[in-house]
Amino acid sequence: MRKFISSLFKVAFALVFLGGLSYYILDKLQEKENLMDIEEYSPKSTLVVKETPLTRSKYPFVDVHNHQFDMPLKNLSKLVAEMDSLNMAFMINLSGFRGMYLRQSLENIRKNAPNRFGLFLNIDFEAIDEADFKKTQLALIDSAAAAGVMG
């Protein structure tokens, strides 16, 4: 039994040693080739200017790319308060999805902040191989546009 444990220890040590050696060699090769991971890339700025952190836009602006995944249930008054603190006049939510989710999102916007949000429809690409894909998606787009989506 003692001989078995001794052999097992030797094998484990050899594996750890070879793994460490492999890691060291790869690290040196990457260093030689001047390769680094994106996580390691953190260049030092050479720009020397007075720093002026801004927390609010001087002029009202439109956020044209946003994803509010919980729009059907979201308390929009809190989001509008956050938008006001930034001087954001309008937000376009690109995650409107379709069906009941879309209807509830539009209803929440209409009831709580109709002039502050725009909603986009997401067509159903999972059905792209179906023969009537074009017809069903065009009908989906027409009904969503009639319901109030903007894109």
C-alpha atoms as a PDB file:
ATOM      1  CA  MET A   1       0.000   0.000   0.000  1.00  0.00           C
ATOM      2  CA  ARG A   2       2.846   2.321   0.873  1.00  0.00           C
ATOM      3  CA  LYS A   3       4.458   1.652  -2.503  1.00  0.00           C
ATOM      4  CA  PHE A   4       1.149   2.507  -4.246  1.00  0.00           C
ATOM      5  CA  ILE A   5       0.793   5.826  -2.394  1.00  0.00           C
ATOM      6  CA  SER A   6       4.417   6.658  -3.158  1.00  0.00           C
ATOM      7  CA  SER A   7       3.844   5.941  -6.866  1.00  0.00           C
ATOM      8  CA  LEU A   8       0.629   7.939  -6.853  1.00  0.00           C
ATOM      9  CA  PHE A   9       2.422  10.875  -5.244  1.00  0.00           C
ATOM     10  CA  LYS A  10       5.193  10.710  -7.874  1.00  0.00           C
ATOM     11  CA  VAL A  11       2.653  10.710 -10.719  1.00  0.00           C
ATOM     12  CA  ALA A  12       0.725  13.621  -9.195  1.00  0.00           C
ATOM     13  CA  PHE A  13       3.950  15.570  -8.677  1.00  0.00           C
ATOM     14  CA  ALA A  14       5.026  14.881 -12.265  1.00  0.00           C
ATOM     15  CA  LEU A  15       1.672  16.082 -13.617  1.00  0.00           C
ATOM     16  CA  VAL A  16       1.755  19.264 -11.539  1.00  0.00           C
ATOM     17  CA  PHE A  17       5.364  19.895 -12.540  1.00  0.00           C
ATOM     18  CA  LEU A  18       4.660  19.365 -16.263  1.00  0.00           C
ATOM     19  CA  GLY A  19       1.539  21.521 -16.093  1.00  0.00           C
ATOM     20  CA  GLY A  20       3.421  24.335 -14.388  1.00  0.00           C
ATOM     21  CA  LEU A  21       6.296  24.045 -16.827  1.00  0.00           C
ATOM     22  CA  SER A  22       3.893  24.157 -19.799  1.00  0.00           C
ATOM     23  CA  TYR A  23       2.169  27.227 -18.371  1.00  0.00           C
ATOM     24  CA  TYR A  24       5.537  28.951 -17.822  1.00  0.00           C
ATOM     25  CA  ILE A  25       6.724  28.167 -21.363  1.00  0.00           C
ATOM     26  CA  LEU A  26       3.487  29.443 -22.933  1.00  0.00           C
ATOM     27  CA  ASP A  27       3.688  32.602 -20.824  1.00  0.00           C
ATOM     28  CA  LYS A  28       7.255  33.261 -21.983  1.00  0.00           C
ATOM     29  CA  LEU A  29       6.327  32.624 -25.628  1.00  0.00           C
ATOM     30  CA  GLN A  30       3.446  35.093 -25.406  1.00  0.00           C
ATOM     31  CA  GLU A  31       5.725  37.628 -23.740  1.00  0.00           C
ATOM     32  CA  LYS A  32       8.330  37.109 -26.476  1.00  0.00           C
ATOM     33  CA  GLU A  33       5.725  37.604 -29.204  1.00  0.00           C
ATOM     34  CA  ASN A  34       4.344  40.614 -27.300  1.00  0.00           C
ATOM     35  CA  LEU A  35       0.908  39.003 -26.972  1.00  0.00           C
ATOM     36  CA  MET A  36      -1.534  39.849 -24.196  1.00  0.00           C
ATOM     37  CA  ASP A  37      -5.133  39.192 -23.283  1.00  0.00           C
ATOM     38  CA  ILE A  38      -7.667  41.980 -23.747  1.00  0.00           C
ATOM     39  CA  GLU A  39      -8.205  41.905 -19.972  1.00  0.00           C
ATOM     40  CA  GLU A  40      -4.544  42.809 -19.478  1.00  0.00           C
ATOM     41  CA  TYR A  41      -4.625  45.749 -21.901  1.00  0.00           C
ATOM     42  CA  SER A  42      -4.785  48.923 -19.879  1.00  0.00           C
ATOM     43  CA  PRO A  43      -2.709  51.654 -21.503  1.00  0.00           C
ATOM     44  CA  LYS A  44      -1.631  54.652 -19.489  1.00  0.00           C
ATOM     45  CA  SER A  45      -3.122  57.867 -20.820  1.00  0.00           C
ATOM     46  CA  THR A  46      -0.618  60.478 -21.944  1.00  0.00           C
ATOM     47  CA  LEU A  47      -3.289  63.151 -22.237  1.00  0.00           C
ATOM     48  CA  VAL A  48      -2.759  65.868 -19.672  1.00  0.00           C
ATOM     49  CA  VAL A  49      -5.898  67.960 -19.229  1.00  0.00           C
ATOM     50  CA  LYS A  50      -8.077  69.165 -16.426  1.00  0.00           C
ATOM     51  CA  GLU A  51     -10.603  66.462 -15.570  1.00  0.00           C
ATOM     52  CA  THR A  52     -14.225  67.584 -15.610  1.00  0.00           C
ATOM     53  CA  PRO A  53     -16.567  64.730 -14.712  1.00  0.00           C
ATOM     54  CA  LEU A  54     -20.025  65.263 -16.174  1.00  0.00           C
ATOM     55  CA  THR A  55     -23.093  63.724 -14.593  1.00  0.00           C
ATOM     56  CA  ARG A  56     -25.708  65.551 -16.644  1.00  0.00           C
ATOM     57  CA  SER A  57     -25.951  66.499 -20.292  1.00  0.00           C
ATOM     58  CA  LYS A  58     -26.036  70.208 -21.074  1.00  0.00           C
ATOM     59  CA  TYR A  59     -28.689  69.592 -23.724  1.00  0.00           C
ATOM     60  CA  PRO A  60     -31.514  67.034 -23.788  1.00  0.00           C
ATOM     61  CA  PHE A  61     -30.520  63.922 -25.712  1.00  0.00           C
ATOM     62  CA  VAL A  62     -32.023  60.720 -27.103  1.00  0.00           C
ATOM     63  CA  ASP A  63     -30.674  57.317 -26.104  1.00  0.00           C
ATOM     64  CA  VAL A  64     -31.060  55.452 -29.400  1.00  0.00           C
ATOM     65  CA  HIS A  65     -29.781  52.066 -28.200  1.00  0.00           C
ATOM     66  CA  ASN A  66     -31.117  50.675 -24.963  1.00  0.00           C
ATOM     67  CA  HIS A  67     -32.383  47.323 -23.714  1.00  0.00           C
ATOM     68  CA  GLN A  68     -35.013  47.439 -20.986  1.00  0.00           C
ATOM     69  CA  PHE A  69     -35.916  43.765 -20.753  1.00  0.00           C
ATOM     70  CA  ASP A  70     -38.437  44.270 -17.944  1.00  0.00           C
ATOM     71  CA  MET A  71     -40.467  46.976 -19.679  1.00  0.00           C
ATOM     72  CA  PRO A  72     -43.883  45.293 -19.238  1.00  0.00           C
ATOM     73  CA  LEU A  73     -43.494  45.319 -15.440  1.00  0.00           C
ATOM     74  CA  LYS A  74     -41.039  48.153 -14.879  1.00  0.00           C
ATOM     75  CA  ASN A  75     -41.913  51.117 -12.687  1.00  0.00           C
ATOM     76  CA  LEU A  76     -41.322  53.757 -15.349  1.00  0.00           C
ATOM     77  CA  SER A  77     -41.476  56.666 -12.901  1.00  0.00           C
ATOM     78  CA  LYS A  78     -38.148  55.564 -11.383  1.00  0.00           C
ATOM     79  CA  LEU A  79     -36.591  55.185 -14.841  1.00  0.00           C
ATOM     80  CA  VAL A  80     -37.946  58.592 -15.905  1.00  0.00           C
ATOM     81  CA  ALA A  81     -36.422  60.140 -12.760  1.00  0.00           C
ATOM     82  CA  GLU A  82     -33.053  58.593 -13.673  1.00  0.00           C
ATOM     83  CA  MET A  83     -33.451  59.882 -17.235  1.00  0.00           C
ATOM     84  CA  ASP A  84     -34.273  63.369 -15.919  1.00  0.00           C
ATOM     85  CA  SER A  85     -31.151  63.340 -13.743  1.00  0.00           C
ATOM     86  CA  LEU A  86     -29.093  62.804 -16.922  1.00  0.00           C
ATOM     87  CA  ASN A  87     -31.191  65.204 -19.040  1.00  0.00           C
ATOM     88  CA  MET A  88     -32.222  62.279 -21.282  1.00  0.00           C
ATOM     89  CA  ALA A  89     -35.321  63.354 -23.154  1.00  0.00           C
ATOM     90  CA  PHE A  90     -36.211  60.081 -24.863  1.00  0.00           C
ATOM     91  CA  MET A  91     -35.150  56.440 -24.734  1.00  0.00           C
ATOM     92  CA  ILE A  92     -35.523  53.878 -27.502  1.00  0.00           C
ATOM     93  CA  ASN A  93     -35.934  50.351 -26.148  1.00  0.00           C
ATOM     94  CA  LEU A  94     -34.762  47.862 -28.756  1.00  0.00           C
ATOM     95  CA  SER A  95     -36.042  44.878 -26.747  1.00  0.00           C
ATOM     96  CA  GLY A  96     -39.770  45.045 -27.423  1.00  0.00           C
ATOM     97  CA  PHE A  97     -39.967  41.395 -28.471  1.00  0.00           C
ATOM     98  CA  ARG A  98     -43.448  40.488 -29.740  1.00  0.00           C
ATOM     99  CA  GLY A  99     -46.816  39.093 -28.671  1.00  0.00           C
ATOM    100  CA  MET A 100     -48.052  39.622 -25.117  1.00  0.00           C
ATOM    101  CA  TYR A 101     -44.683  41.011 -23.991  1.00  0.00           C
ATOM    102  CA  LEU A 102     -44.871  43.705 -26.669  1.00  0.00           C
ATOM    103  CA  ARG A 103     -48.508  44.562 -25.881  1.00  0.00           C
ATOM    104  CA  GLN A 104     -47.815  44.886 -22.155  1.00  0.00           C
ATOM    105  CA  SER A 105     -44.722  47.011 -22.803  1.00  0.00           C
ATOM    106  CA  LEU A 106     -46.715  49.378 -25.026  1.00  0.00           C
ATOM    107  CA  GLU A 107     -49.502  49.550 -22.444  1.00  0.00           C
ATOM    108  CA  ASN A 108     -47.059  50.380 -19.651  1.00  0.00           C
ATOM    109  CA  ILE A 109     -45.505  53.142 -21.767  1.00  0.00           C
ATOM    110  CA  ARG A 110     -48.897  54.590 -22.774  1.00  0.00           C
ATOM    111  CA  LYS A 111     -50.137  54.663 -19.168  1.00  0.00           C
ATOM    112  CA  ASN A 112     -46.999  55.961 -17.468  1.00  0.00           C
ATOM    113  CA  ALA A 113     -44.681  57.840 -19.834  1.00  0.00           C
ATOM    114  CA  PRO A 114     -46.017  58.077 -23.396  1.00  0.00           C
ATOM    115  CA  ASN A 115     -43.671  60.880 -24.494  1.00  0.00           C
ATOM    116  CA  ARG A 116     -40.462  59.434 -23.070  1.00  0.00           C
ATOM    117  CA  PHE A 117     -40.060  55.988 -24.657  1.00  0.00           C
ATOM    118  CA  GLY A 118     -40.021  54.394 -28.073  1.00  0.00           C
ATOM    119  CA  LEU A 119     -40.249  50.643 -28.536  1.00  0.00           C
ATOM    120  CA  PHE A 120     -38.901  48.385 -31.256  1.00  0.00           C
ATOM    121  CA  LEU A 121     -40.377  45.075 -32.370  1.00  0.00           C
ATOM    122  CA  ASN A 122     -38.176  41.979 -32.585  1.00  0.00           C
ATOM    123  CA  ILE A 123     -39.213  39.701 -35.427  1.00  0.00           C
ATOM    124  CA  ASP A 124     -39.189  35.931 -34.964  1.00  0.00           C
ATOM    125  CA  PHE A 125     -36.009  34.651 -36.626  1.00  0.00           C
ATOM    126  CA  GLU A 126     -36.601  31.194 -35.158  1.00  0.00           C
ATOM    127  CA  ALA A 127     -39.263  30.773 -37.851  1.00  0.00           C
ATOM    128  CA  ILE A 128     -36.989  31.833 -40.720  1.00  0.00           C
ATOM    129  CA  ASP A 129     -37.044  28.406 -42.380  1.00  0.00           C
ATOM    130  CA  GLU A 130     -40.836  28.237 -42.494  1.00  0.00           C
ATOM    131  CA  ALA A 131     -42.458  28.651 -45.904  1.00  0.00           C
ATOM    132  CA  ASP A 132     -44.700  31.513 -44.790  1.00  0.00           C
ATOM    133  CA  PHE A 133     -41.976  33.396 -42.875  1.00  0.00           C
ATOM    134  CA  LYS A 134     -42.221  36.533 -45.004  1.00  0.00           C
ATOM    135  CA  LYS A 135     -46.006  36.660 -44.796  1.00  0.00           C
ATOM    136  CA  THR A 136     -46.207  36.081 -41.019  1.00  0.00           C
ATOM    137  CA  GLN A 137     -43.434  38.522 -40.209  1.00  0.00           C
ATOM    138  CA  LEU A 138     -44.911  41.250 -42.424  1.00  0.00           C
ATOM    139  CA  ALA A 139     -48.246  40.764 -40.658  1.00  0.00           C
ATOM    140  CA  LEU A 140     -46.422  40.957 -37.313  1.00  0.00           C
ATOM    141  CA  ILE A 141     -44.693  44.188 -38.365  1.00  0.00           C
ATOM    142  CA  ASP A 142     -47.952  45.737 -39.618  1.00  0.00           C
ATOM    143  CA  SER A 143     -49.850  44.918 -36.432  1.00  0.00           C
ATOM    144  CA  ALA A 144     -46.971  46.136 -34.225  1.00  0.00           C
ATOM    145  CA  ALA A 145     -46.726  49.406 -36.166  1.00  0.00           C
ATOM    146  CA  ALA A 146     -50.478  49.885 -35.800  1.00  0.00           C
ATOM    147  CA  ALA A 147     -50.125  49.224 -32.057  1.00  0.00           C
ATOM    148  CA  GLY A 148     -47.470  51.929 -31.706  1.00  0.00           C
ATOM    149  CA  VAL A 149     -43.962  50.533 -32.107  1.00  0.00           C
ATOM    150  CA  MET A 150     -41.509  52.815 -33.836  1.00  0.00           C
ATOM    151  CA  GLY A 151     -39.187  50.291 -35.382  1.00  0.00           C
END
